[in-house]
Structure formats: structure tokens, C-alpha cells
Amino acid sequence: MEPPMEPSGGEQEPGAVRFLDLPWEDVLLPHVLNRVPLRQLLRLQRVSRAFRSLVQLHLAGLRRFDAAQVGPQIPRAALARLLRDAEGLQELALAPCHEWLSDEDLVPVLARNPQLRSVALGGCGQLSRRALGALAEGCPRLQRLSLAHCDWVDGLALRGLADRCPALEELDLTACRQLKDEAIVYLAQRRGAGLRSLSLAVNANVGDAAVQELARNCPELQHLDLTGCLRVGSDGVRTLAEYCPVLRSLRVRHCHHVAESSLSRLRKRGVDIDVEPPLHQALVLLQDMAGFAPFVNLQV
């Protein structure tokens, strides 16, 4: 694409090359604009019509868009401007838009970008099942999805996701408090074979029935976060130890019904667990007490 001609606004030395005279697609787009933060691109658009055309051409070819690169808060109009021509996105993160992002804002972006593999919508509480349905229907290659703190996610929404996303590997359902065991069981049965990372943290409705079904259907599961799942107990953890041979990390802090006896088998395999064994906790407490520190050996 040839750059549009614009008055230089001043004298140009003989033989000098202006920035916009450089080849756009061979030089400026791959070697210059790729290194410019999104926040600066917004400013660059205001310099001239030629710069606006250059920036829009760059944005149309984006493969990854993270709204956090623009700032902690991004106006609706700015997001629409940035993503207006994007049709090849593979990664999309919109957490800074959580206060206002609606189905009407998101669905057209999803429709233009069927190649999406990673989508982060953490905290976007104004969305609904419609947005999740559009994502599941229109983005069959989706591998990673964060819906953390999206209270609108319920069992019906999750079923639609499980039915239509065959490539799903990582799913964050932290604080999706409408979800119950039945929804997680369905997810495990439909998509368990490919799941590698799952967070169900801060959900008091999830219990051993869901965890046991995950264990039996997710042989490739590597990371599981059950923080604050008050109904999860030792039976669920024992099933994980039996059926998940590649599990690398397990988060069970504030799961008060999980006993150390159920965790010991996983510890012996080297699984990273976020709660210390009772003996270690006791020794740390002793070390904190005046006069005991010199005599306690934590390597016991």
C-alpha cells in the first residue's frame, strides 16, 4: 500500500527521506509500529491523516489486543476505534473495559475475528449469555478463556460453551457463583479430555461430585484451583490423586474439609500445593515465638 500524499509542512533537505515515505508494509508496519505501545498509537493517529491511515492499517492486522496496554480504563469510543478494522485477532483481553463492556460492544468484534484462540473477559459483569454464545458459536479454535468474576455465567451458558468449543484447554471460572456441580460435571464429560487448566475458586456451590468427575474425565489436567470451595473435601482430592497423573499444581486454601491425608499422595509426586503440611505450619509458628528460632530445624 502506497502512503497517501500530504503536504510536508516545511522545507525538505535534498535527498532526505520523510518517515512516511518509508515502505509501509515492508518497513513501518512490521519493524516500527509493532514496537509502539497501543497508548502511543492512539496519540499518533492525531498527528495527521496520513498517520491515521498508517495506524489503522496496523490495527487491522493485529493478532493480539490487550486493553491494559492502553490504560487502566479505556473509553468505549476508543475501543471501537482501535478494533474497527481488526479481522485477524488471535488473542483478546478486555478486563479494563469491565465497567461498561456490553454484548453490543463485544459481539461484532467476535464475529469479525473467528480465529480467536484466547479471550479474557474477567470482571465484565455487563455481558450475558448472548456474548458467550457468540464466542462459542463463532470461534471454534478457542483454547483459553477467562470469565473470572462474571456473575452472569450460569449452568446454561457453560453448557453452550462445552458443546461448541472442542479445542478448549484453559478455563477460568473464578467466582462464577451461579455454577453448581451439575454444570461442572457436564463440562468435564464434554470437554474434559482436553482440559489442562481450570479455576473454580471462590464458589461455595462446587463440591466433591464435580471434582471427582473432573478427575475421571480430565487425564491431561495440570492446574486446578479450588480456593475457597467450601464443599470440596478429601474424597475429591483422593480421586484427583488417582486419576490425574500429570497434575502439577492444586490450590485448596480455605477448603476446610480437605485433610492432609488426602494431600500426602500428591505431595509425594511433587504436586505444588498452596497449603503447608501441619508439621511445617507448627514449626513456623514455633520459629515466630521468641526464644525458639535457634533450636528449630525446618528440614525435619
C-alpha atoms as a PDB file:
ATOM      1  CA  MET A   1       0.000   0.000   0.000  1.00  0.00           C
ATOM      2  CA  GLU A   2       1.392   3.382  -1.010  1.00  0.00           C
ATOM      3  CA  PRO A   3       1.275   6.118   1.643  1.00  0.00           C
ATOM      4  CA  PRO A   4      -1.169   8.944   0.878  1.00  0.00           C
ATOM      5  CA  MET A   5       0.471  12.194  -0.178  1.00  0.00           C
ATOM      6  CA  GLU A   6       0.307  15.112   2.210  1.00  0.00           C
ATOM      7  CA  PRO A   7       1.997  18.474   2.293  1.00  0.00           C
ATOM      8  CA  SER A   8       5.235  18.268   4.232  1.00  0.00           C
ATOM      9  CA  GLY A   9       4.527  21.440   6.149  1.00  0.00           C
ATOM     10  CA  GLY A  10       8.045  22.764   5.588  1.00  0.00           C
ATOM     11  CA  GLU A  11      11.237  22.639   3.532  1.00  0.00           C
ATOM     12  CA  GLN A  12      12.817  19.236   2.975  1.00  0.00           C
ATOM     13  CA  GLU A  13      16.559  18.828   2.505  1.00  0.00           C
ATOM     14  CA  PRO A  14      17.621  17.339  -0.839  1.00  0.00           C
ATOM     15  CA  GLY A  15      17.909  13.556  -0.545  1.00  0.00           C
ATOM     16  CA  ALA A  16      16.172  13.427   2.858  1.00  0.00           C
ATOM     17  CA  VAL A  17      13.545  10.723   3.426  1.00  0.00           C
ATOM     18  CA  ARG A  18      10.481  11.502   5.488  1.00  0.00           C
ATOM     19  CA  PHE A  19       9.216   8.900   7.954  1.00  0.00           C
ATOM     20  CA  LEU A  20       6.034   8.268   5.986  1.00  0.00           C
ATOM     21  CA  ASP A  21       7.998   7.869   2.759  1.00  0.00           C
ATOM     22  CA  LEU A  22       9.425   4.599   4.031  1.00  0.00           C
ATOM     23  CA  PRO A  23       7.629   1.470   2.728  1.00  0.00           C
ATOM     24  CA  TRP A  24       4.642   0.890   4.978  1.00  0.00           C
ATOM     25  CA  GLU A  25       4.095  -2.847   4.683  1.00  0.00           C
ATOM     26  CA  ASP A  26       7.773  -3.808   4.425  1.00  0.00           C
ATOM     27  CA  VAL A  27       9.283  -1.440   6.999  1.00  0.00           C
ATOM     28  CA  LEU A  28       6.932   0.694   9.083  1.00  0.00           C
ATOM     29  CA  LEU A  29       4.296  -1.916   9.964  1.00  0.00           C
ATOM     30  CA  PRO A  30       6.482  -4.947  10.829  1.00  0.00           C
ATOM     31  CA  HIS A  31       9.540  -3.131  12.219  1.00  0.00           C
ATOM     32  CA  VAL A  32       8.285   0.128  13.731  1.00  0.00           C
ATOM     33  CA  LEU A  33       4.597   0.133  14.673  1.00  0.00           C
ATOM     34  CA  ASN A  34       4.835  -3.381  16.110  1.00  0.00           C
ATOM     35  CA  ARG A  35       7.060  -1.895  18.807  1.00  0.00           C
ATOM     36  CA  VAL A  36       4.866   1.110  19.611  1.00  0.00           C
ATOM     37  CA  PRO A  37       2.536   0.702  22.648  1.00  0.00           C
ATOM     38  CA  LEU A  38      -1.178   0.947  21.892  1.00  0.00           C
ATOM     39  CA  ARG A  39      -1.481   4.033  24.059  1.00  0.00           C
ATOM     40  CA  GLN A  40       1.051   5.832  21.857  1.00  0.00           C
ATOM     41  CA  LEU A  41      -0.698   4.679  18.701  1.00  0.00           C
ATOM     42  CA  LEU A  42      -3.827   6.495  19.808  1.00  0.00           C
ATOM     43  CA  ARG A  43      -1.818   9.695  20.044  1.00  0.00           C
ATOM     44  CA  LEU A  44      -0.047   9.039  16.773  1.00  0.00           C
ATOM     45  CA  GLN A  45      -3.377   8.905  14.943  1.00  0.00           C
ATOM     46  CA  ARG A  46      -3.964  12.557  15.779  1.00  0.00           C
ATOM     47  CA  VAL A  47      -0.801  13.799  14.057  1.00  0.00           C
ATOM     48  CA  SER A  48      -2.176  13.806  10.514  1.00  0.00           C
ATOM     49  CA  ARG A  49      -4.454  11.973   8.136  1.00  0.00           C
ATOM     50  CA  ALA A  50      -1.507  10.009   6.802  1.00  0.00           C
ATOM     51  CA  PHE A  51      -0.521   8.826  10.279  1.00  0.00           C
ATOM     52  CA  ARG A  52      -4.153   7.907  10.958  1.00  0.00           C
ATOM     53  CA  SER A  53      -4.187   5.748   7.835  1.00  0.00           C
ATOM     54  CA  LEU A  54      -0.916   4.110   8.843  1.00  0.00           C
ATOM     55  CA  VAL A  55      -2.134   3.316  12.359  1.00  0.00           C
ATOM     56  CA  GLN A  56      -5.465   1.941  11.122  1.00  0.00           C
ATOM     57  CA  LEU A  57      -3.637  -0.318   8.690  1.00  0.00           C
ATOM     58  CA  HIS A  58      -1.516  -1.590  11.572  1.00  0.00           C
ATOM     59  CA  LEU A  59      -4.542  -2.145  13.817  1.00  0.00           C
ATOM     60  CA  ALA A  60      -6.343  -4.059  11.067  1.00  0.00           C
ATOM     61  CA  GLY A  61      -3.527  -6.608  11.109  1.00  0.00           C
ATOM     62  CA  LEU A  62      -3.283  -7.076  14.879  1.00  0.00           C
ATOM     63  CA  ARG A  63      -3.017 -10.631  16.170  1.00  0.00           C
ATOM     64  CA  ARG A  64      -3.077  -9.707  19.863  1.00  0.00           C
ATOM     65  CA  PHE A  65      -5.031  -6.954  21.614  1.00  0.00           C
ATOM     66  CA  ASP A  66      -4.784  -6.286  25.350  1.00  0.00           C
ATOM     67  CA  ALA A  67      -6.775  -3.265  26.518  1.00  0.00           C
ATOM     68  CA  ALA A  68      -4.475  -2.969  29.542  1.00  0.00           C
ATOM     69  CA  GLN A  69      -1.801  -1.643  27.169  1.00  0.00           C
ATOM     70  CA  VAL A  70      -3.994   1.386  26.552  1.00  0.00           C
ATOM     71  CA  GLY A  71      -4.504   2.123  30.247  1.00  0.00           C
ATOM     72  CA  PRO A  72      -6.400   1.070  33.376  1.00  0.00           C
ATOM     73  CA  GLN A  73      -9.597   2.453  31.861  1.00  0.00           C
ATOM     74  CA  ILE A  74     -10.433   2.699  28.186  1.00  0.00           C
ATOM     75  CA  PRO A  75     -13.432   4.629  26.813  1.00  0.00           C
ATOM     76  CA  ARG A  76     -15.988   2.814  24.681  1.00  0.00           C
ATOM     77  CA  ALA A  77     -15.285   5.055  21.681  1.00  0.00           C
ATOM     78  CA  ALA A  78     -11.545   4.378  21.884  1.00  0.00           C
ATOM     79  CA  LEU A  79     -12.073   0.604  21.914  1.00  0.00           C
ATOM     80  CA  ALA A  80     -14.417   0.800  18.943  1.00  0.00           C
ATOM     81  CA  ARG A  81     -11.839   2.877  17.061  1.00  0.00           C
ATOM     82  CA  LEU A  82      -8.979   0.509  17.844  1.00  0.00           C
ATOM     83  CA  LEU A  83     -10.834  -2.672  16.858  1.00  0.00           C
ATOM     84  CA  ARG A  84     -12.898  -1.280  13.994  1.00  0.00           C
ATOM     85  CA  ASP A  85     -10.905  -2.991  11.238  1.00  0.00           C
ATOM     86  CA  ALA A  86      -9.337  -5.893  13.149  1.00  0.00           C
ATOM     87  CA  GLU A  87     -10.231  -9.198  11.484  1.00  0.00           C
ATOM     88  CA  GLY A  88      -7.324 -11.468  12.380  1.00  0.00           C
ATOM     89  CA  LEU A  89      -7.164 -11.352  16.171  1.00  0.00           C
ATOM     90  CA  GLN A  90      -5.996 -14.489  17.939  1.00  0.00           C
ATOM     91  CA  GLU A  91      -5.802 -13.058  21.479  1.00  0.00           C
ATOM     92  CA  LEU A  92      -8.222 -10.575  23.039  1.00  0.00           C
ATOM     93  CA  ALA A  93      -8.099  -9.227  26.618  1.00  0.00           C
ATOM     94  CA  LEU A  94     -10.716  -6.694  27.714  1.00  0.00           C
ATOM     95  CA  ALA A  95     -10.594  -6.634  31.526  1.00  0.00           C
ATOM     96  CA  PRO A  96     -10.070  -2.810  31.682  1.00  0.00           C
ATOM     97  CA  CYS A  97     -13.441  -2.440  29.927  1.00  0.00           C
ATOM     98  CA  HIS A  98     -15.284  -4.346  32.651  1.00  0.00           C
ATOM     99  CA  GLU A  99     -17.389  -1.394  33.850  1.00  0.00           C
ATOM    100  CA  TRP A 100     -19.181  -0.832  30.556  1.00  0.00           C
ATOM    101  CA  LEU A 101     -18.467  -3.659  28.094  1.00  0.00           C
ATOM    102  CA  SER A 102     -21.802  -4.979  26.802  1.00  0.00           C
ATOM    103  CA  ASP A 103     -22.959  -7.614  24.339  1.00  0.00           C
ATOM    104  CA  GLU A 104     -23.434  -4.864  21.761  1.00  0.00           C
ATOM    105  CA  ASP A 105     -19.770  -3.870  22.103  1.00  0.00           C
ATOM    106  CA  LEU A 106     -18.319  -7.377  22.082  1.00  0.00           C
ATOM    107  CA  VAL A 107     -20.408  -9.491  19.714  1.00  0.00           C
ATOM    108  CA  PRO A 108     -19.425  -7.604  16.497  1.00  0.00           C
ATOM    109  CA  VAL A 109     -15.735  -7.922  17.428  1.00  0.00           C
ATOM    110  CA  LEU A 110     -16.141 -11.673  17.916  1.00  0.00           C
ATOM    111  CA  ALA A 111     -17.985 -12.006  14.603  1.00  0.00           C
ATOM    112  CA  ARG A 112     -15.092 -10.355  12.744  1.00  0.00           C
ATOM    113  CA  ASN A 113     -12.425 -12.493  14.435  1.00  0.00           C
ATOM    114  CA  PRO A 114     -13.261 -16.209  14.141  1.00  0.00           C
ATOM    115  CA  GLN A 115      -9.572 -17.130  14.610  1.00  0.00           C
ATOM    116  CA  LEU A 116      -9.574 -16.139  18.288  1.00  0.00           C
ATOM    117  CA  ARG A 117      -7.719 -18.620  20.487  1.00  0.00           C
ATOM    118  CA  SER A 118      -7.505 -16.679  23.767  1.00  0.00           C
ATOM    119  CA  VAL A 119     -10.158 -14.386  25.269  1.00  0.00           C
ATOM    120  CA  ALA A 120     -10.024 -12.697  28.688  1.00  0.00           C
ATOM    121  CA  LEU A 121     -13.249 -11.125  29.964  1.00  0.00           C
ATOM    122  CA  GLY A 122     -12.532 -11.135  33.690  1.00  0.00           C
ATOM    123  CA  GLY A 123     -14.912  -8.928  35.661  1.00  0.00           C
ATOM    124  CA  CYS A 124     -17.033  -7.955  32.645  1.00  0.00           C
ATOM    125  CA  GLY A 125     -20.316  -8.081  34.520  1.00  0.00           C
ATOM    126  CA  GLN A 126     -22.459  -6.320  31.900  1.00  0.00           C
ATOM    127  CA  LEU A 127     -22.216  -9.193  29.435  1.00  0.00           C
ATOM    128  CA  SER A 128     -24.745 -12.006  29.136  1.00  0.00           C
ATOM    129  CA  ARG A 129     -25.220 -15.484  27.698  1.00  0.00           C
ATOM    130  CA  ARG A 130     -25.571 -13.887  24.269  1.00  0.00           C
ATOM    131  CA  ALA A 131     -21.910 -12.854  24.238  1.00  0.00           C
ATOM    132  CA  LEU A 132     -20.748 -16.282  25.393  1.00  0.00           C
ATOM    133  CA  GLY A 133     -22.970 -17.923  22.805  1.00  0.00           C
ATOM    134  CA  ALA A 134     -21.475 -15.751  20.048  1.00  0.00           C
ATOM    135  CA  LEU A 135     -17.969 -16.655  21.244  1.00  0.00           C
ATOM    136  CA  ALA A 136     -18.702 -20.379  21.342  1.00  0.00           C
ATOM    137  CA  GLU A 137     -20.510 -20.356  18.003  1.00  0.00           C
ATOM    138  CA  GLY A 138     -18.121 -18.127  16.104  1.00  0.00           C
ATOM    139  CA  CYS A 139     -14.688 -19.036  17.498  1.00  0.00           C
ATOM    140  CA  PRO A 140     -14.241 -22.825  17.183  1.00  0.00           C
ATOM    141  CA  ARG A 141     -10.467 -22.610  17.789  1.00  0.00           C
ATOM    142  CA  LEU A 142     -10.839 -21.087  21.247  1.00  0.00           C
ATOM    143  CA  GLN A 143      -8.276 -22.583  23.646  1.00  0.00           C
ATOM    144  CA  ARG A 144      -8.116 -20.175  26.614  1.00  0.00           C
ATOM    145  CA  LEU A 145     -10.994 -18.296  28.223  1.00  0.00           C
ATOM    146  CA  SER A 146     -11.209 -16.225  31.394  1.00  0.00           C
ATOM    147  CA  LEU A 147     -14.654 -15.475  32.811  1.00  0.00           C
ATOM    148  CA  ALA A 148     -13.433 -14.730  36.334  1.00  0.00           C
ATOM    149  CA  HIS A 149     -15.895 -12.727  38.435  1.00  0.00           C
ATOM    150  CA  CYS A 150     -18.572 -12.841  35.736  1.00  0.00           C
ATOM    151  CA  ASP A 151     -21.639 -13.419  37.892  1.00  0.00           C
ATOM    152  CA  TRP A 152     -23.890 -13.861  34.856  1.00  0.00           C
ATOM    153  CA  VAL A 153     -22.237 -17.171  33.886  1.00  0.00           C
ATOM    154  CA  ASP A 154     -24.673 -19.932  34.798  1.00  0.00           C
ATOM    155  CA  GLY A 155     -25.075 -23.597  34.000  1.00  0.00           C
ATOM    156  CA  LEU A 156     -26.862 -22.986  30.708  1.00  0.00           C
ATOM    157  CA  ALA A 157     -24.127 -20.624  29.494  1.00  0.00           C
ATOM    158  CA  LEU A 158     -21.428 -23.130  30.418  1.00  0.00           C
ATOM    159  CA  ARG A 159     -23.232 -25.968  28.642  1.00  0.00           C
ATOM    160  CA  GLY A 160     -23.236 -23.943  25.425  1.00  0.00           C
ATOM    161  CA  LEU A 161     -19.520 -23.337  25.797  1.00  0.00           C
ATOM    162  CA  ALA A 162     -18.817 -27.022  26.472  1.00  0.00           C
ATOM    163  CA  ASP A 163     -20.859 -28.100  23.446  1.00  0.00           C
ATOM    164  CA  ARG A 164     -19.212 -25.781  20.914  1.00  0.00           C
ATOM    165  CA  CYS A 165     -15.541 -25.330  21.923  1.00  0.00           C
ATOM    166  CA  PRO A 166     -13.701 -28.551  21.078  1.00  0.00           C
ATOM    167  CA  ALA A 167     -10.220 -27.002  21.457  1.00  0.00           C
ATOM    168  CA  LEU A 168     -10.752 -25.560  24.949  1.00  0.00           C
ATOM    169  CA  GLU A 169      -7.727 -26.160  27.210  1.00  0.00           C
ATOM    170  CA  GLU A 170      -7.732 -23.422  29.867  1.00  0.00           C
ATOM    171  CA  LEU A 171     -10.808 -22.033  31.609  1.00  0.00           C
ATOM    172  CA  ASP A 172     -11.039 -19.559  34.486  1.00  0.00           C
ATOM    173  CA  LEU A 173     -14.412 -19.634  36.263  1.00  0.00           C
ATOM    174  CA  THR A 174     -13.241 -17.934  39.470  1.00  0.00           C
ATOM    175  CA  ALA A 175     -16.179 -16.513  41.450  1.00  0.00           C
ATOM    176  CA  CYS A 176     -18.789 -17.611  38.883  1.00  0.00           C
ATOM    177  CA  ARG A 177     -21.071 -18.314  41.803  1.00  0.00           C
ATOM    178  CA  GLN A 178     -24.128 -19.463  39.843  1.00  0.00           C
ATOM    179  CA  LEU A 179     -22.304 -22.595  38.733  1.00  0.00           C
ATOM    180  CA  LYS A 180     -23.104 -25.803  40.586  1.00  0.00           C
ATOM    181  CA  ASP A 181     -21.821 -29.357  40.487  1.00  0.00           C
ATOM    182  CA  GLU A 182     -24.120 -30.301  37.598  1.00  0.00           C
ATOM    183  CA  ALA A 183     -22.627 -27.682  35.284  1.00  0.00           C
ATOM    184  CA  ILE A 184     -19.047 -28.695  36.093  1.00  0.00           C
ATOM    185  CA  VAL A 185     -19.904 -32.373  35.631  1.00  0.00           C
ATOM    186  CA  TYR A 186     -21.279 -31.578  32.156  1.00  0.00           C
ATOM    187  CA  LEU A 187     -18.133 -29.599  31.300  1.00  0.00           C
ATOM    188  CA  ALA A 188     -15.936 -32.490  32.423  1.00  0.00           C
ATOM    189  CA  GLN A 189     -17.869 -35.028  30.387  1.00  0.00           C
ATOM    190  CA  ARG A 190     -17.931 -32.912  27.220  1.00  0.00           C
ATOM    191  CA  ARG A 191     -14.505 -31.242  27.272  1.00  0.00           C
ATOM    192  CA  GLY A 192     -12.519 -32.992  29.987  1.00  0.00           C
ATOM    193  CA  ALA A 193     -10.186 -34.832  27.623  1.00  0.00           C
ATOM    194  CA  GLY A 194      -8.554 -31.568  26.517  1.00  0.00           C
ATOM    195  CA  LEU A 195      -8.673 -29.507  29.706  1.00  0.00           C
ATOM    196  CA  ARG A 196      -5.276 -28.621  31.144  1.00  0.00           C
ATOM    197  CA  SER A 197      -6.068 -25.730  33.486  1.00  0.00           C
ATOM    198  CA  LEU A 198      -9.265 -24.919  35.377  1.00  0.00           C
ATOM    199  CA  SER A 199     -10.156 -22.484  38.138  1.00  0.00           C
ATOM    200  CA  LEU A 200     -13.334 -22.948  40.169  1.00  0.00           C
ATOM    201  CA  ALA A 201     -12.085 -20.762  43.017  1.00  0.00           C
ATOM    202  CA  VAL A 202     -14.441 -18.902  45.351  1.00  0.00           C
ATOM    203  CA  ASN A 203     -17.525 -20.974  44.574  1.00  0.00           C
ATOM    204  CA  ALA A 204     -19.271 -22.456  47.591  1.00  0.00           C
ATOM    205  CA  ASN A 205     -21.629 -24.433  45.316  1.00  0.00           C
ATOM    206  CA  VAL A 206     -18.884 -26.682  43.938  1.00  0.00           C
ATOM    207  CA  GLY A 207     -18.229 -29.895  45.855  1.00  0.00           C
ATOM    208  CA  ASP A 208     -16.705 -33.345  45.629  1.00  0.00           C
ATOM    209  CA  ALA A 209     -19.115 -34.553  42.953  1.00  0.00           C
ATOM    210  CA  ALA A 210     -17.746 -32.001  40.487  1.00  0.00           C
ATOM    211  CA  VAL A 211     -14.108 -32.594  41.462  1.00  0.00           C
ATOM    212  CA  GLN A 212     -14.419 -36.374  41.162  1.00  0.00           C
ATOM    213  CA  GLU A 213     -15.992 -36.105  37.716  1.00  0.00           C
ATOM    214  CA  LEU A 214     -13.221 -33.736  36.629  1.00  0.00           C
ATOM    215  CA  ALA A 215     -10.621 -36.202  37.860  1.00  0.00           C
ATOM    216  CA  ARG A 216     -12.160 -39.124  35.974  1.00  0.00           C
ATOM    217  CA  ASN A 217     -12.559 -37.184  32.706  1.00  0.00           C
ATOM    218  CA  CYS A 218      -9.502 -34.902  32.627  1.00  0.00           C
ATOM    219  CA  PRO A 219      -6.378 -37.074  32.276  1.00  0.00           C
ATOM    220  CA  GLU A 220      -4.331 -34.092  30.989  1.00  0.00           C
ATOM    221  CA  LEU A 221      -5.301 -31.722  33.832  1.00  0.00           C
ATOM    222  CA  GLN A 222      -2.208 -29.888  35.100  1.00  0.00           C
ATOM    223  CA  HIS A 223      -3.568 -26.980  37.161  1.00  0.00           C
ATOM    224  CA  LEU A 224      -6.699 -26.908  39.320  1.00  0.00           C
ATOM    225  CA  ASP A 225      -7.732 -24.028  41.583  1.00  0.00           C
ATOM    226  CA  LEU A 226     -10.338 -24.882  44.236  1.00  0.00           C
ATOM    227  CA  THR A 227      -9.538 -21.996  46.590  1.00  0.00           C
ATOM    228  CA  GLY A 228     -12.497 -21.258  48.820  1.00  0.00           C
ATOM    229  CA  CYS A 229     -14.645 -24.127  47.510  1.00  0.00           C
ATOM    230  CA  LEU A 230     -16.055 -24.885  50.937  1.00  0.00           C
ATOM    231  CA  ARG A 231     -17.879 -28.075  49.913  1.00  0.00           C
ATOM    232  CA  VAL A 232     -14.786 -29.755  48.484  1.00  0.00           C
ATOM    233  CA  GLY A 233     -13.370 -32.420  50.797  1.00  0.00           C
ATOM    234  CA  SER A 234     -10.826 -35.205  50.986  1.00  0.00           C
ATOM    235  CA  ASP A 235     -12.790 -37.581  48.735  1.00  0.00           C
ATOM    236  CA  GLY A 236     -12.445 -35.227  45.787  1.00  0.00           C
ATOM    237  CA  VAL A 237      -8.725 -34.748  46.356  1.00  0.00           C
ATOM    238  CA  ARG A 238      -8.110 -38.513  46.633  1.00  0.00           C
ATOM    239  CA  THR A 239      -9.812 -39.000  43.278  1.00  0.00           C
ATOM    240  CA  LEU A 240      -7.562 -36.351  41.750  1.00  0.00           C
ATOM    241  CA  ALA A 241      -4.526 -38.212  43.054  1.00  0.00           C
ATOM    242  CA  GLU A 242      -5.809 -41.433  41.500  1.00  0.00           C
ATOM    243  CA  TYR A 243      -6.888 -40.219  38.061  1.00  0.00           C
ATOM    244  CA  CYS A 244      -4.761 -37.136  37.224  1.00  0.00           C
ATOM    245  CA  PRO A 245      -1.199 -38.357  36.627  1.00  0.00           C
ATOM    246  CA  VAL A 246       0.140 -35.067  35.195  1.00  0.00           C
ATOM    247  CA  LEU A 247      -1.323 -32.715  37.798  1.00  0.00           C
ATOM    248  CA  ARG A 248       1.303 -30.088  38.647  1.00  0.00           C
ATOM    249  CA  SER A 249      -0.475 -27.628  40.941  1.00  0.00           C
ATOM    250  CA  LEU A 250      -3.507 -27.740  43.230  1.00  0.00           C
ATOM    251  CA  ARG A 251      -4.971 -24.805  45.139  1.00  0.00           C
ATOM    252  CA  VAL A 252      -7.082 -25.801  48.155  1.00  0.00           C
ATOM    253  CA  ARG A 253      -6.594 -22.900  50.569  1.00  0.00           C
ATOM    254  CA  HIS A 254      -9.734 -22.333  52.670  1.00  0.00           C
ATOM    255  CA  CYS A 255     -11.072 -25.776  51.738  1.00  0.00           C
ATOM    256  CA  HIS A 256     -11.555 -26.715  55.377  1.00  0.00           C
ATOM    257  CA  HIS A 257     -12.771 -30.272  54.708  1.00  0.00           C
ATOM    258  CA  VAL A 258      -9.597 -31.294  52.872  1.00  0.00           C
ATOM    259  CA  ALA A 259      -7.397 -33.335  55.211  1.00  0.00           C
ATOM    260  CA  GLU A 260      -3.635 -33.683  54.961  1.00  0.00           C
ATOM    261  CA  SER A 261      -4.018 -37.436  54.495  1.00  0.00           C
ATOM    262  CA  SER A 262      -5.648 -36.831  51.097  1.00  0.00           C
ATOM    263  CA  LEU A 263      -2.932 -34.390  50.022  1.00  0.00           C
ATOM    264  CA  SER A 264       0.074 -36.503  51.003  1.00  0.00           C
ATOM    265  CA  ARG A 265      -0.055 -38.718  47.909  1.00  0.00           C
ATOM    266  CA  LEU A 266       0.045 -35.648  45.680  1.00  0.00           C
ATOM    267  CA  ARG A 267       2.889 -34.112  47.693  1.00  0.00           C
ATOM    268  CA  LYS A 268       4.966 -37.257  47.171  1.00  0.00           C
ATOM    269  CA  ARG A 269       4.516 -36.826  43.429  1.00  0.00           C
ATOM    270  CA  GLY A 270       5.828 -33.257  43.624  1.00  0.00           C
ATOM    271  CA  VAL A 271       2.498 -31.510  43.021  1.00  0.00           C
ATOM    272  CA  ASP A 272       2.644 -27.859  44.092  1.00  0.00           C
ATOM    273  CA  ILE A 273       0.013 -27.385  46.821  1.00  0.00           C
ATOM    274  CA  ASP A 274      -0.685 -23.982  48.340  1.00  0.00           C
ATOM    275  CA  VAL A 275      -1.186 -25.191  51.925  1.00  0.00           C
ATOM    276  CA  GLU A 276       1.739 -26.406  54.004  1.00  0.00           C
ATOM    277  CA  PRO A 277       1.696 -29.716  55.900  1.00  0.00           C
ATOM    278  CA  PRO A 278       0.587 -29.332  59.549  1.00  0.00           C
ATOM    279  CA  LEU A 279       4.084 -30.136  60.876  1.00  0.00           C
ATOM    280  CA  HIS A 280       5.632 -27.354  58.806  1.00  0.00           C
ATOM    281  CA  GLN A 281       2.956 -24.908  59.965  1.00  0.00           C
ATOM    282  CA  ALA A 282       3.674 -25.803  63.585  1.00  0.00           C
ATOM    283  CA  LEU A 283       7.418 -25.336  63.158  1.00  0.00           C
ATOM    284  CA  VAL A 284       6.950 -21.948  61.530  1.00  0.00           C
ATOM    285  CA  LEU A 285       4.744 -20.916  64.437  1.00  0.00           C
ATOM    286  CA  LEU A 286       7.453 -22.004  66.881  1.00  0.00           C
ATOM    287  CA  GLN A 287      10.072 -20.037  64.989  1.00  0.00           C
ATOM    288  CA  ASP A 288       7.929 -16.949  65.295  1.00  0.00           C
ATOM    289  CA  MET A 289       7.851 -17.316  69.057  1.00  0.00           C
ATOM    290  CA  ALA A 290      10.629 -15.582  70.962  1.00  0.00           C
ATOM    291  CA  GLY A 291      13.412 -17.899  72.049  1.00  0.00           C
ATOM    292  CA  PHE A 292      12.547 -20.866  69.828  1.00  0.00           C
ATOM    293  CA  ALA A 293      14.074 -19.834  66.498  1.00  0.00           C
ATOM    294  CA  PRO A 294      17.654 -21.022  67.231  1.00  0.00           C
ATOM    295  CA  PHE A 295      16.505 -24.535  68.135  1.00  0.00           C
ATOM    296  CA  VAL A 296      14.049 -25.388  65.340  1.00  0.00           C
ATOM    297  CA  ASN A 297      15.159 -27.110  62.155  1.00  0.00           C
ATOM    298  CA  LEU A 298      12.583 -26.825  59.346  1.00  0.00           C
ATOM    299  CA  GLN A 299      14.294 -29.634  57.427  1.00  0.00           C
ATOM    300  CA  VAL A 300      12.917 -32.229  59.887  1.00  0.00           C
END
